[in-house]
Structures are given as structure tokens and as C-alpha cells.
């Protein structure tokens, strides 16, 4: 167990889940309140069959694998393992699981909530009610029904969001160069398109992973393709969007945004984004605040691993290669 002692571990492993983990075998809990270093992990990993990791855990490198004589499974309580495990893990035949799919469900739920909240003007109406106003007739209340939605990247979050969008009779344009058209066969309301097609939508939602090719992908020229009056949503990674360009668009009033991720986190109190009328902001809580179900998912897979069953939350090498780093 590499998660340090403290509040973070308490939220991922409340007593009932600590007891459940300890029922599966001998658990070596980290007794430090700081993240382990790679060197410390190398010292502690001999004899370990299952490595349970979390945010801040050191990368499982070739050196760590050289020190590990029994390691068969890396079980990550977070989502992406792109920066957690190395190619050496897969070369060594060590299985990798994470709570990525479970976290994706929560992130998609949050994304959907942001979309509906903005379109239905919930924050504005709530603010007005707090000031004693009754201004519904003067508020720009819109609907999601029969709107054009563009997804920049698909992934696990985007796939779940497609399910949420289906009852609204939307037409979804999906840009993801790693997705085959057959992958969308179960979503008749969605079709693959190029990036221009995804951006030309009434609601544009970003779900791409943060990789070398996606950082800064949505710059001023790309954001200029988002239609007037649209809603731009980012619950993925802030670095995919050039922040200065997005701020200029929101300041112009050309379109609105709903964000859960930022270039600097926590977002400073003086940040310009906080002052913009056209920005709906939440503090990076989309997939990370509902934590026990994430732990339960990886404990389920540890039990499957012990029984020699197929792992439900496995991250194959091909998926790892395209995950956020």
C-alpha cells in the first residue's frame, strides 16, 4: 500500500474497506505521511504480490520491477495509470487494474450536470432568487433537446456521457482518432467526425487525454470555430485548452464555458476565470470526491485475481498508451 497515512487514505479506505483489504492477505500499510519515493518503493516491494497505489504514488519503473520478486498485480485506486506504470510493467507480464471506469461514470455525471445547469441557467436563477428577484422571464433558459453536441475525445467518460445524452434526441459528433466507427455501433445518435465537425456544435465537451499531441490542441484558432452562443465544457484536462484564448472568448461573450479543471489548481482567488460572467466553475470534483466506490472496484478485482478470474477493471497496454500523463 503506497498511499500515505492521513486524510487522503482515510477517504479512500474507511474502516470497512481497510478491514476488507486486510481480509485478503497481509497488508503493509505505508506509515509515512508523505508520498513514497521510487527508492523507498524499491526497498519495500520485495515479497509483495499486489501493489495498491493512489495519487502521488511513485512510478513503477524498471528499477522497481527489478526489486520486485513476487509482484503480479498493480491495483490503482485512481483513474489514469499513464504516469504510474511504465512499459516495463507490461513487459514483465504484471497485470494492471484501476478504478478508471468507475471514476469515468462520476465524471460523466458531473459533466452532464454542468451541461444541464448551464443550459437551464440554474446558477443565474439561484443567484437571482437569493437576491429576492423573480426574473425567470428575463433569463436565457435553453434546452438540451435536439441540440448538436460535439465530443473532443471519447474515452470512458465520453462513452458514459453518450448514454446520458441519448434520451434528449441529440446528434453527437465525436472526434477521436483512436476510435473505430464500429465502436459507436451501439450509439445511433453519435458519429465520428474530424475536429472541425466536433467543434461546430451547440455544446462542445472535452474528453481527450492529456498527452504530448493534445496539450494546447484547442488554441485560439480552434476555439474560434466554436459557434456563437455555444457552451464549451472541459472536465478532462486543462492543458488541452490554451487558457488565455478561452478567457478571451468568454470575455467577448461569444460563448459560455463550464469548467472543472484548471492550469493551476487550486484555482487562485484572484484568477481571472473567477471573475467572468460566462464561466460556470467547479473545483475539480468531477470524478474524485466520491472515493469509496473507487476503492471497492479495485478490491473486487484483487479478489478476482486471487480466484484466478478475469479482471473487470484491467488496463491493457493499448489503453495505457493513450491515457493521461
C-alpha atoms as a PDB file:
ATOM      1  CA  UNK A   1       0.000   0.000   0.000  1.00  0.00           C
ATOM      2  CA  UNK A   2       1.713   3.209  -1.150  1.00  0.00           C
ATOM      3  CA  UNK A   3      -0.983   5.721  -0.143  1.00  0.00           C
ATOM      4  CA  UNK A   4       0.478   7.741   2.760  1.00  0.00           C
ATOM      5  CA  UNK A   5      -1.152   7.842   6.164  1.00  0.00           C
ATOM      6  CA  UNK A   6      -3.564  10.748   6.511  1.00  0.00           C
ATOM      7  CA  UNK A   7      -6.838  12.209   5.298  1.00  0.00           C
ATOM      8  CA  UNK A   8      -6.449  11.030   1.689  1.00  0.00           C
ATOM      9  CA  UNK A   9      -6.069   7.410   2.741  1.00  0.00           C
ATOM     10  CA  UNK A  10      -8.936   7.733   5.198  1.00  0.00           C
ATOM     11  CA  UNK A  11     -11.291   8.843   2.422  1.00  0.00           C
ATOM     12  CA  UNK A  12     -10.253   6.019   0.111  1.00  0.00           C
ATOM     13  CA  UNK A  13     -10.026   3.401   2.854  1.00  0.00           C
ATOM     14  CA  UNK A  14     -12.586   3.998   5.596  1.00  0.00           C
ATOM     15  CA  UNK A  15     -12.593   1.329   8.294  1.00  0.00           C
ATOM     16  CA  UNK A  16     -14.865  -1.129   6.494  1.00  0.00           C
ATOM     17  CA  UNK A  17     -12.631  -1.060   3.392  1.00  0.00           C
ATOM     18  CA  UNK A  18      -9.432  -1.313   5.445  1.00  0.00           C
ATOM     19  CA  UNK A  19     -10.911  -4.412   7.071  1.00  0.00           C
ATOM     20  CA  UNK A  20     -11.876  -5.818   3.693  1.00  0.00           C
ATOM     21  CA  UNK A  21      -8.379  -5.280   2.294  1.00  0.00           C
ATOM     22  CA  UNK A  22      -6.763  -6.863   5.329  1.00  0.00           C
ATOM     23  CA  UNK A  23      -9.046  -9.888   4.937  1.00  0.00           C
ATOM     24  CA  UNK A  24      -7.435 -10.562   1.555  1.00  0.00           C
ATOM     25  CA  UNK A  25      -3.907 -11.027   2.876  1.00  0.00           C
ATOM     26  CA  UNK A  26      -1.081  -9.446   4.840  1.00  0.00           C
ATOM     27  CA  UNK A  27      -1.141  -5.686   4.203  1.00  0.00           C
ATOM     28  CA  UNK A  28       1.925  -3.491   4.626  1.00  0.00           C
ATOM     29  CA  UNK A  29       0.482  -0.009   5.152  1.00  0.00           C
ATOM     30  CA  UNK A  30       2.686   2.990   4.497  1.00  0.00           C
ATOM     31  CA  UNK A  31       3.432   4.564   7.870  1.00  0.00           C
ATOM     32  CA  UNK A  32       4.632   7.818   6.348  1.00  0.00           C
ATOM     33  CA  UNK A  33       2.526  10.933   5.931  1.00  0.00           C
ATOM     34  CA  UNK A  34       4.487  11.760   2.775  1.00  0.00           C
ATOM     35  CA  UNK A  35       4.380  10.125  -0.650  1.00  0.00           C
ATOM     36  CA  UNK A  36       6.875   7.321  -1.050  1.00  0.00           C
ATOM     37  CA  UNK A  37       9.835   7.902  -3.336  1.00  0.00           C
ATOM     38  CA  UNK A  38      10.820   5.413  -6.022  1.00  0.00           C
ATOM     39  CA  UNK A  39      13.813   4.412  -3.888  1.00  0.00           C
ATOM     40  CA  UNK A  40      11.583   3.740  -0.884  1.00  0.00           C
ATOM     41  CA  UNK A  41       9.250   1.665  -3.040  1.00  0.00           C
ATOM     42  CA  UNK A  42      12.194  -0.391  -4.270  1.00  0.00           C
ATOM     43  CA  UNK A  43      13.148  -1.073  -0.653  1.00  0.00           C
ATOM     44  CA  UNK A  44       9.621  -2.148   0.348  1.00  0.00           C
ATOM     45  CA  UNK A  45       8.418  -4.111  -2.663  1.00  0.00           C
ATOM     46  CA  UNK A  46      10.311  -7.423  -2.268  1.00  0.00           C
ATOM     47  CA  UNK A  47       7.779 -10.134  -1.368  1.00  0.00           C
ATOM     48  CA  UNK A  48       4.796  -8.033  -2.462  1.00  0.00           C
ATOM     49  CA  UNK A  49       2.259  -9.800  -4.703  1.00  0.00           C
ATOM     50  CA  UNK A  50      -0.229  -6.917  -5.085  1.00  0.00           C
ATOM     51  CA  UNK A  51       0.737  -3.239  -5.071  1.00  0.00           C
ATOM     52  CA  UNK A  52      -2.112  -0.880  -4.164  1.00  0.00           C
ATOM     53  CA  UNK A  53      -1.464   2.671  -5.318  1.00  0.00           C
ATOM     54  CA  UNK A  54      -3.126   6.072  -5.268  1.00  0.00           C
ATOM     55  CA  UNK A  55      -2.491   9.696  -6.177  1.00  0.00           C
ATOM     56  CA  UNK A  56       1.130  10.623  -5.555  1.00  0.00           C
ATOM     57  CA  UNK A  57       2.406   7.045  -5.647  1.00  0.00           C
ATOM     58  CA  UNK A  58       5.856   6.682  -7.218  1.00  0.00           C
ATOM     59  CA  UNK A  59       6.094   5.366 -10.766  1.00  0.00           C
ATOM     60  CA  UNK A  60       6.510   1.626 -11.129  1.00  0.00           C
ATOM     61  CA  UNK A  61       9.652   1.674 -13.252  1.00  0.00           C
ATOM     62  CA  UNK A  62      12.053  -0.970 -14.473  1.00  0.00           C
ATOM     63  CA  UNK A  63      14.133  -0.439 -11.312  1.00  0.00           C
ATOM     64  CA  UNK A  64      11.083  -1.101  -9.162  1.00  0.00           C
ATOM     65  CA  UNK A  65      10.348  -4.248 -11.199  1.00  0.00           C
ATOM     66  CA  UNK A  66      13.961  -5.400 -10.713  1.00  0.00           C
ATOM     67  CA  UNK A  67      13.472  -5.137  -6.953  1.00  0.00           C
ATOM     68  CA  UNK A  68      10.081  -6.863  -7.032  1.00  0.00           C
ATOM     69  CA  UNK A  69      10.427 -10.612  -6.870  1.00  0.00           C
ATOM     70  CA  UNK A  70       6.745 -11.566  -6.498  1.00  0.00           C
ATOM     71  CA  UNK A  71       4.727  -8.688  -7.978  1.00  0.00           C
ATOM     72  CA  UNK A  72       1.801  -9.857 -10.108  1.00  0.00           C
ATOM     73  CA  UNK A  73      -0.773  -7.058  -9.860  1.00  0.00           C
ATOM     74  CA  UNK A  74      -0.783  -3.261  -9.632  1.00  0.00           C
ATOM     75  CA  UNK A  75      -4.165  -2.036  -8.355  1.00  0.00           C
ATOM     76  CA  UNK A  76      -4.672   1.727  -8.649  1.00  0.00           C
ATOM     77  CA  UNK A  77      -7.437   3.446  -6.688  1.00  0.00           C
ATOM     78  CA  UNK A  78      -7.409   6.377  -9.119  1.00  0.00           C
ATOM     79  CA  UNK A  79      -8.194   6.620 -12.820  1.00  0.00           C
ATOM     80  CA  UNK A  80      -5.349   7.027 -15.302  1.00  0.00           C
ATOM     81  CA  UNK A  81      -2.265   4.877 -14.868  1.00  0.00           C
ATOM     82  CA  UNK A  82      -0.462   6.628 -17.732  1.00  0.00           C
ATOM     83  CA  UNK A  83       2.149   8.176 -15.450  1.00  0.00           C
ATOM     84  CA  UNK A  84       2.004   5.498 -12.747  1.00  0.00           C
ATOM     85  CA  UNK A  85       3.187   2.372 -14.536  1.00  0.00           C
ATOM     86  CA  UNK A  86       5.900   2.056 -17.142  1.00  0.00           C
ATOM     87  CA  UNK A  87       6.158  -0.139 -20.182  1.00  0.00           C
ATOM     88  CA  UNK A  88       8.376  -2.406 -18.117  1.00  0.00           C
ATOM     89  CA  UNK A  89       5.303  -3.409 -16.085  1.00  0.00           C
ATOM     90  CA  UNK A  90       3.583  -4.733 -19.190  1.00  0.00           C
ATOM     91  CA  UNK A  91       6.793  -6.304 -20.495  1.00  0.00           C
ATOM     92  CA  UNK A  92       7.056  -8.215 -17.214  1.00  0.00           C
ATOM     93  CA  UNK A  93       3.506  -9.532 -17.547  1.00  0.00           C
ATOM     94  CA  UNK A  94       2.279  -7.759 -14.409  1.00  0.00           C
ATOM     95  CA  UNK A  95      -1.476  -7.103 -14.545  1.00  0.00           C
ATOM     96  CA  UNK A  96      -2.741  -3.561 -14.051  1.00  0.00           C
ATOM     97  CA  UNK A  97      -6.192  -2.544 -12.853  1.00  0.00           C
ATOM     98  CA  UNK A  98      -7.601   0.829 -11.889  1.00  0.00           C
ATOM     99  CA  UNK A  99     -10.864   2.485 -10.945  1.00  0.00           C
ATOM    100  CA  UNK A 100     -10.830   4.344 -14.259  1.00  0.00           C
ATOM    101  CA  UNK A 101     -14.240   3.109 -15.431  1.00  0.00           C
ATOM    102  CA  UNK A 102     -15.901   3.882 -12.101  1.00  0.00           C
ATOM    103  CA  UNK A 103     -14.347   7.346 -11.954  1.00  0.00           C
ATOM    104  CA  UNK A 104     -15.480   7.877 -15.552  1.00  0.00           C
ATOM    105  CA  UNK A 105     -19.087   7.293 -14.503  1.00  0.00           C
ATOM    106  CA  UNK A 106     -18.842  10.025 -11.877  1.00  0.00           C
ATOM    107  CA  UNK A 107     -17.044  12.411 -14.235  1.00  0.00           C
ATOM    108  CA  UNK A 108     -19.666  11.864 -16.931  1.00  0.00           C
ATOM    109  CA  UNK A 109     -22.387  12.509 -14.361  1.00  0.00           C
ATOM    110  CA  UNK A 110     -20.708  15.761 -13.364  1.00  0.00           C
ATOM    111  CA  UNK A 111     -20.244  16.774 -16.995  1.00  0.00           C
ATOM    112  CA  UNK A 112     -23.912  16.137 -17.656  1.00  0.00           C
ATOM    113  CA  UNK A 113     -24.854  18.157 -14.577  1.00  0.00           C
ATOM    114  CA  UNK A 114     -22.742  21.095 -15.786  1.00  0.00           C
ATOM    115  CA  UNK A 115     -24.346  20.993 -19.227  1.00  0.00           C
ATOM    116  CA  UNK A 116     -27.893  20.963 -17.892  1.00  0.00           C
ATOM    117  CA  UNK A 117     -27.134  23.527 -15.179  1.00  0.00           C
ATOM    118  CA  UNK A 118     -25.780  26.000 -17.694  1.00  0.00           C
ATOM    119  CA  UNK A 119     -28.385  25.456 -20.386  1.00  0.00           C
ATOM    120  CA  UNK A 120     -31.199  25.758 -17.852  1.00  0.00           C
ATOM    121  CA  UNK A 121     -29.457  28.795 -16.277  1.00  0.00           C
ATOM    122  CA  UNK A 122     -29.617  27.203 -12.815  1.00  0.00           C
ATOM    123  CA  UNK A 123     -26.771  29.280 -11.275  1.00  0.00           C
ATOM    124  CA  UNK A 124     -28.252  32.567 -12.563  1.00  0.00           C
ATOM    125  CA  UNK A 125     -31.750  31.707 -11.400  1.00  0.00           C
ATOM    126  CA  UNK A 126     -30.495  30.621  -7.974  1.00  0.00           C
ATOM    127  CA  UNK A 127     -28.478  33.815  -7.620  1.00  0.00           C
ATOM    128  CA  UNK A 128     -31.489  35.910  -8.540  1.00  0.00           C
ATOM    129  CA  UNK A 129     -33.728  34.099  -6.079  1.00  0.00           C
ATOM    130  CA  UNK A 130     -31.147  34.754  -3.367  1.00  0.00           C
ATOM    131  CA  UNK A 131     -31.385  38.473  -4.114  1.00  0.00           C
ATOM    132  CA  UNK A 132     -35.168  38.372  -3.887  1.00  0.00           C
ATOM    133  CA  UNK A 133     -35.697  38.527  -7.657  1.00  0.00           C
ATOM    134  CA  UNK A 134     -38.269  36.717  -9.766  1.00  0.00           C
ATOM    135  CA  UNK A 135     -36.674  37.092 -13.175  1.00  0.00           C
ATOM    136  CA  UNK A 136     -37.293  33.845 -14.978  1.00  0.00           C
ATOM    137  CA  UNK A 137     -38.816  35.577 -17.989  1.00  0.00           C
ATOM    138  CA  UNK A 138     -35.661  37.672 -18.458  1.00  0.00           C
ATOM    139  CA  UNK A 139     -33.216  34.792 -18.147  1.00  0.00           C
ATOM    140  CA  UNK A 140     -31.763  32.940 -21.139  1.00  0.00           C
ATOM    141  CA  UNK A 141     -33.050  29.420 -20.419  1.00  0.00           C
ATOM    142  CA  UNK A 142     -32.142  26.879 -23.068  1.00  0.00           C
ATOM    143  CA  UNK A 143     -32.674  23.166 -23.607  1.00  0.00           C
ATOM    144  CA  UNK A 144     -30.519  20.178 -24.427  1.00  0.00           C
ATOM    145  CA  UNK A 145     -33.250  18.541 -26.505  1.00  0.00           C
ATOM    146  CA  UNK A 146     -32.342  18.102 -30.183  1.00  0.00           C
ATOM    147  CA  UNK A 147     -29.094  20.038 -29.822  1.00  0.00           C
ATOM    148  CA  UNK A 148     -25.869  19.284 -31.677  1.00  0.00           C
ATOM    149  CA  UNK A 149     -23.204  18.026 -29.260  1.00  0.00           C
ATOM    150  CA  UNK A 150     -19.527  17.634 -30.059  1.00  0.00           C
ATOM    151  CA  UNK A 151     -17.152  15.441 -28.061  1.00  0.00           C
ATOM    152  CA  UNK A 152     -13.427  16.164 -28.376  1.00  0.00           C
ATOM    153  CA  UNK A 153     -12.066  12.780 -27.402  1.00  0.00           C
ATOM    154  CA  UNK A 154     -14.205   9.883 -26.279  1.00  0.00           C
ATOM    155  CA  UNK A 155     -12.659   7.558 -23.728  1.00  0.00           C
ATOM    156  CA  UNK A 156     -14.573   6.033 -20.844  1.00  0.00           C
ATOM    157  CA  UNK A 157     -16.121   9.359 -19.799  1.00  0.00           C
ATOM    158  CA  UNK A 158     -17.370  10.173 -23.282  1.00  0.00           C
ATOM    159  CA  UNK A 159     -18.896   6.727 -23.723  1.00  0.00           C
ATOM    160  CA  UNK A 160     -20.842   7.078 -20.490  1.00  0.00           C
ATOM    161  CA  UNK A 161     -21.906  10.584 -21.441  1.00  0.00           C
ATOM    162  CA  UNK A 162     -23.296   9.231 -24.727  1.00  0.00           C
ATOM    163  CA  UNK A 163     -25.686   7.097 -22.663  1.00  0.00           C
ATOM    164  CA  UNK A 164     -26.806  10.127 -20.657  1.00  0.00           C
ATOM    165  CA  UNK A 165     -27.350  12.196 -23.806  1.00  0.00           C
ATOM    166  CA  UNK A 166     -29.381   9.605 -25.712  1.00  0.00           C
ATOM    167  CA  UNK A 167     -32.859  10.443 -24.284  1.00  0.00           C
ATOM    168  CA  UNK A 168     -32.508  14.068 -25.394  1.00  0.00           C
ATOM    169  CA  UNK A 169     -32.599  13.275 -29.136  1.00  0.00           C
ATOM    170  CA  UNK A 170     -29.246  14.935 -29.652  1.00  0.00           C
ATOM    171  CA  UNK A 171     -26.902  14.476 -32.590  1.00  0.00           C
ATOM    172  CA  UNK A 172     -23.380  13.842 -31.315  1.00  0.00           C
ATOM    173  CA  UNK A 173     -20.230  14.383 -33.376  1.00  0.00           C
ATOM    174  CA  UNK A 174     -17.245  12.540 -31.912  1.00  0.00           C
ATOM    175  CA  UNK A 175     -13.639  13.405 -32.689  1.00  0.00           C
ATOM    176  CA  UNK A 176     -11.207  10.736 -31.551  1.00  0.00           C
ATOM    177  CA  UNK A 177      -8.519   9.399 -33.909  1.00  0.00           C
ATOM    178  CA  UNK A 178      -8.172   6.263 -31.773  1.00  0.00           C
ATOM    179  CA  UNK A 179     -11.814   5.213 -32.106  1.00  0.00           C
ATOM    180  CA  UNK A 180     -13.092   2.946 -34.863  1.00  0.00           C
ATOM    181  CA  UNK A 181     -16.561   3.665 -36.348  1.00  0.00           C
ATOM    182  CA  UNK A 182     -17.668   0.214 -35.210  1.00  0.00           C
ATOM    183  CA  UNK A 183     -17.025   1.334 -31.607  1.00  0.00           C
ATOM    184  CA  UNK A 184     -20.033   3.649 -31.921  1.00  0.00           C
ATOM    185  CA  UNK A 185     -22.388   0.996 -33.274  1.00  0.00           C
ATOM    186  CA  UNK A 186     -24.368   0.925 -30.014  1.00  0.00           C
ATOM    187  CA  UNK A 187     -24.827   4.708 -30.127  1.00  0.00           C
ATOM    188  CA  UNK A 188     -27.042   5.505 -33.147  1.00  0.00           C
ATOM    189  CA  UNK A 189     -27.159   9.170 -32.117  1.00  0.00           C
ATOM    190  CA  UNK A 190     -23.365   9.527 -32.493  1.00  0.00           C
ATOM    191  CA  UNK A 191     -20.960   9.506 -35.421  1.00  0.00           C
ATOM    192  CA  UNK A 192     -17.241  10.001 -35.871  1.00  0.00           C
ATOM    193  CA  UNK A 193     -16.089  13.249 -37.410  1.00  0.00           C
ATOM    194  CA  UNK A 194     -12.984  15.405 -37.666  1.00  0.00           C
ATOM    195  CA  UNK A 195     -12.080  18.007 -35.055  1.00  0.00           C
ATOM    196  CA  UNK A 196     -13.759  20.776 -37.058  1.00  0.00           C
ATOM    197  CA  UNK A 197     -17.027  18.855 -37.019  1.00  0.00           C
ATOM    198  CA  UNK A 198     -16.932  18.258 -33.262  1.00  0.00           C
ATOM    199  CA  UNK A 199     -16.195  21.922 -32.532  1.00  0.00           C
ATOM    200  CA  UNK A 200     -19.070  23.108 -34.733  1.00  0.00           C
ATOM    201  CA  UNK A 201     -21.688  22.183 -32.099  1.00  0.00           C
ATOM    202  CA  UNK A 202     -24.051  23.903 -29.692  1.00  0.00           C
ATOM    203  CA  UNK A 203     -22.389  22.018 -26.831  1.00  0.00           C
ATOM    204  CA  UNK A 204     -18.691  21.114 -27.068  1.00  0.00           C
ATOM    205  CA  UNK A 205     -17.358  18.808 -24.347  1.00  0.00           C
ATOM    206  CA  UNK A 206     -13.681  17.861 -23.978  1.00  0.00           C
ATOM    207  CA  UNK A 207     -12.785  14.280 -23.038  1.00  0.00           C
ATOM    208  CA  UNK A 208      -9.354  13.788 -24.603  1.00  0.00           C
ATOM    209  CA  UNK A 209      -6.464  12.516 -22.514  1.00  0.00           C
ATOM    210  CA  UNK A 210      -3.547  14.835 -21.762  1.00  0.00           C
ATOM    211  CA  UNK A 211      -0.722  13.620 -23.988  1.00  0.00           C
ATOM    212  CA  UNK A 212       2.074  15.255 -25.981  1.00  0.00           C
ATOM    213  CA  UNK A 213      -0.196  15.528 -29.009  1.00  0.00           C
ATOM    214  CA  UNK A 214      -3.206  17.002 -27.183  1.00  0.00           C
ATOM    215  CA  UNK A 215      -1.550  19.643 -24.972  1.00  0.00           C
ATOM    216  CA  UNK A 216      -2.535  23.032 -26.425  1.00  0.00           C
ATOM    217  CA  UNK A 217      -4.625  21.357 -29.119  1.00  0.00           C
ATOM    218  CA  UNK A 218      -7.515  23.765 -28.625  1.00  0.00           C
ATOM    219  CA  UNK A 219      -5.841  27.096 -29.269  1.00  0.00           C
ATOM    220  CA  UNK A 220      -7.293  30.442 -30.373  1.00  0.00           C
ATOM    221  CA  UNK A 221      -7.804  29.286 -33.962  1.00  0.00           C
ATOM    222  CA  UNK A 222      -9.630  26.140 -32.866  1.00  0.00           C
ATOM    223  CA  UNK A 223     -11.757  27.907 -30.275  1.00  0.00           C
ATOM    224  CA  UNK A 224     -12.771  30.407 -32.948  1.00  0.00           C
ATOM    225  CA  UNK A 225     -14.583  27.511 -34.638  1.00  0.00           C
ATOM    226  CA  UNK A 226     -16.948  27.074 -31.676  1.00  0.00           C
ATOM    227  CA  UNK A 227     -20.274  28.684 -32.735  1.00  0.00           C
ATOM    228  CA  UNK A 228     -21.663  31.843 -31.188  1.00  0.00           C
ATOM    229  CA  UNK A 229     -23.947  31.059 -28.257  1.00  0.00           C
ATOM    230  CA  UNK A 230     -22.428  27.618 -27.654  1.00  0.00           C
ATOM    231  CA  UNK A 231     -21.430  26.020 -24.360  1.00  0.00           C
ATOM    232  CA  UNK A 232     -17.814  24.815 -24.032  1.00  0.00           C
ATOM    233  CA  UNK A 233     -17.253  22.199 -21.310  1.00  0.00           C
ATOM    234  CA  UNK A 234     -13.965  20.808 -20.015  1.00  0.00           C
ATOM    235  CA  UNK A 235     -13.916  18.145 -17.307  1.00  0.00           C
ATOM    236  CA  UNK A 236     -10.882  16.358 -18.783  1.00  0.00           C
ATOM    237  CA  UNK A 237      -7.529  18.163 -18.504  1.00  0.00           C
ATOM    238  CA  UNK A 238      -6.982  21.921 -18.588  1.00  0.00           C
ATOM    239  CA  UNK A 239      -3.763  21.720 -20.600  1.00  0.00           C
ATOM    240  CA  UNK A 240      -5.652  20.570 -23.702  1.00  0.00           C
ATOM    241  CA  UNK A 241      -7.034  24.120 -23.983  1.00  0.00           C
ATOM    242  CA  UNK A 242      -4.974  27.307 -24.271  1.00  0.00           C
ATOM    243  CA  UNK A 243      -6.346  29.127 -21.241  1.00  0.00           C
ATOM    244  CA  UNK A 244      -5.653  32.672 -22.436  1.00  0.00           C
ATOM    245  CA  UNK A 245      -7.530  32.011 -25.664  1.00  0.00           C
ATOM    246  CA  UNK A 246     -10.505  30.556 -23.787  1.00  0.00           C
ATOM    247  CA  UNK A 247     -10.614  33.534 -21.417  1.00  0.00           C
ATOM    248  CA  UNK A 248     -10.667  35.940 -24.342  1.00  0.00           C
ATOM    249  CA  UNK A 249     -13.594  34.082 -25.911  1.00  0.00           C
ATOM    250  CA  UNK A 250     -15.572  34.100 -22.660  1.00  0.00           C
ATOM    251  CA  UNK A 251     -14.806  37.790 -22.060  1.00  0.00           C
ATOM    252  CA  UNK A 252     -16.128  38.572 -25.533  1.00  0.00           C
ATOM    253  CA  UNK A 253     -19.415  36.901 -24.638  1.00  0.00           C
ATOM    254  CA  UNK A 254     -19.325  34.844 -27.824  1.00  0.00           C
ATOM    255  CA  UNK A 255     -19.879  31.583 -25.970  1.00  0.00           C
ATOM    256  CA  UNK A 256     -20.031  30.300 -22.384  1.00  0.00           C
ATOM    257  CA  UNK A 257     -17.894  27.711 -20.621  1.00  0.00           C
ATOM    258  CA  UNK A 258     -18.298  25.202 -17.796  1.00  0.00           C
ATOM    259  CA  UNK A 259     -15.010  24.036 -16.297  1.00  0.00           C
ATOM    260  CA  UNK A 260     -13.896  21.544 -13.657  1.00  0.00           C
ATOM    261  CA  UNK A 261     -10.146  21.570 -14.481  1.00  0.00           C
ATOM    262  CA  UNK A 262      -7.585  24.369 -14.473  1.00  0.00           C
ATOM    263  CA  UNK A 263      -3.973  25.065 -15.402  1.00  0.00           C
ATOM    264  CA  UNK A 264      -3.276  25.952 -11.773  1.00  0.00           C
ATOM    265  CA  UNK A 265      -5.029  24.024  -9.023  1.00  0.00           C
ATOM    266  CA  UNK A 266      -6.352  25.100  -6.630  1.00  0.00           C
ATOM    267  CA  UNK A 267      -7.504  27.982  -8.812  1.00  0.00           C
ATOM    268  CA  UNK A 268      -6.116  31.162  -7.176  1.00  0.00           C
ATOM    269  CA  UNK A 269      -8.701  33.513  -5.633  1.00  0.00           C
ATOM    270  CA  UNK A 270      -7.548  36.288  -7.965  1.00  0.00           C
ATOM    271  CA  UNK A 271      -7.776  34.149 -11.116  1.00  0.00           C
ATOM    272  CA  UNK A 272      -9.465  35.953 -13.989  1.00  0.00           C
ATOM    273  CA  UNK A 273     -11.690  32.956 -14.684  1.00  0.00           C
ATOM    274  CA  UNK A 274     -13.395  33.532 -11.331  1.00  0.00           C
ATOM    275  CA  UNK A 275     -14.495  36.992 -12.450  1.00  0.00           C
ATOM    276  CA  UNK A 276     -16.152  36.028 -15.749  1.00  0.00           C
ATOM    277  CA  UNK A 277     -19.941  36.082 -16.005  1.00  0.00           C
ATOM    278  CA  UNK A 278     -19.918  33.452 -18.752  1.00  0.00           C
ATOM    279  CA  UNK A 279     -17.999  30.832 -16.774  1.00  0.00           C
ATOM    280  CA  UNK A 280     -19.552  28.105 -14.607  1.00  0.00           C
ATOM    281  CA  UNK A 281     -16.769  26.738 -12.393  1.00  0.00           C
ATOM    282  CA  UNK A 282     -16.408  23.729 -10.088  1.00  0.00           C
ATOM    283  CA  UNK A 283     -13.199  22.803  -8.151  1.00  0.00           C
ATOM    284  CA  UNK A 284     -12.045  19.616  -9.953  1.00  0.00           C
ATOM    285  CA  UNK A 285     -14.549  17.366  -8.228  1.00  0.00           C
ATOM    286  CA  UNK A 286     -15.982  15.573 -11.245  1.00  0.00           C
ATOM    287  CA  UNK A 287     -14.575  12.126 -10.618  1.00  0.00           C
ATOM    288  CA  UNK A 288     -12.519  12.405  -7.471  1.00  0.00           C
ATOM    289  CA  UNK A 289     -14.714  13.199  -4.493  1.00  0.00           C
ATOM    290  CA  UNK A 290     -16.806  10.009  -4.355  1.00  0.00           C
ATOM    291  CA  UNK A 291     -13.972   7.749  -3.284  1.00  0.00           C
ATOM    292  CA  UNK A 292     -15.100   4.525  -1.548  1.00  0.00           C
ATOM    293  CA  UNK A 293     -16.648   3.113  -4.772  1.00  0.00           C
ATOM    294  CA  UNK A 294     -13.257   3.570  -6.459  1.00  0.00           C
ATOM    295  CA  UNK A 295     -11.601   1.509  -3.761  1.00  0.00           C
ATOM    296  CA  UNK A 296     -14.353  -1.103  -3.871  1.00  0.00           C
ATOM    297  CA  UNK A 297     -13.765  -1.574  -7.606  1.00  0.00           C
ATOM    298  CA  UNK A 298     -10.099  -2.416  -7.182  1.00  0.00           C
ATOM    299  CA  UNK A 299     -10.788  -4.619  -4.154  1.00  0.00           C
ATOM    300  CA  UNK A 300     -13.266  -6.557  -6.295  1.00  0.00           C
ATOM    301  CA  UNK A 301     -10.501  -7.112  -8.833  1.00  0.00           C
ATOM    302  CA  UNK A 302      -7.987  -8.152  -6.188  1.00  0.00           C
ATOM    303  CA  UNK A 303     -10.480 -10.831  -5.147  1.00  0.00           C
ATOM    304  CA  UNK A 304     -10.929 -11.885  -8.771  1.00  0.00           C
ATOM    305  CA  UNK A 305      -7.147 -12.038  -9.118  1.00  0.00           C
ATOM    306  CA  UNK A 306      -6.915 -14.322  -6.093  1.00  0.00           C
ATOM    307  CA  UNK A 307      -9.553 -16.614  -7.578  1.00  0.00           C
ATOM    308  CA  UNK A 308      -7.859 -16.660 -10.969  1.00  0.00           C
ATOM    309  CA  UNK A 309     -10.832 -14.957 -12.661  1.00  0.00           C
ATOM    310  CA  UNK A 310     -10.881 -12.364 -15.419  1.00  0.00           C
ATOM    311  CA  UNK A 311     -10.258  -8.854 -14.101  1.00  0.00           C
ATOM    312  CA  UNK A 312     -13.154  -6.448 -14.609  1.00  0.00           C
ATOM    313  CA  UNK A 313     -11.115  -3.236 -14.457  1.00  0.00           C
ATOM    314  CA  UNK A 314      -7.953  -4.265 -16.283  1.00  0.00           C
ATOM    315  CA  UNK A 315      -5.987  -1.597 -18.156  1.00  0.00           C
ATOM    316  CA  UNK A 316      -4.406  -3.272 -21.190  1.00  0.00           C
ATOM    317  CA  UNK A 317      -1.241  -1.875 -22.737  1.00  0.00           C
ATOM    318  CA  UNK A 318      -3.098  -0.308 -25.676  1.00  0.00           C
ATOM    319  CA  UNK A 319      -5.311   1.694 -23.301  1.00  0.00           C
ATOM    320  CA  UNK A 320      -2.355   2.682 -21.126  1.00  0.00           C
ATOM    321  CA  UNK A 321      -0.587   4.092 -24.173  1.00  0.00           C
ATOM    322  CA  UNK A 322      -3.347   6.683 -24.742  1.00  0.00           C
ATOM    323  CA  UNK A 323      -4.017   7.615 -21.089  1.00  0.00           C
ATOM    324  CA  UNK A 324      -3.343  10.997 -19.495  1.00  0.00           C
ATOM    325  CA  UNK A 325       0.242  11.500 -18.395  1.00  0.00           C
END
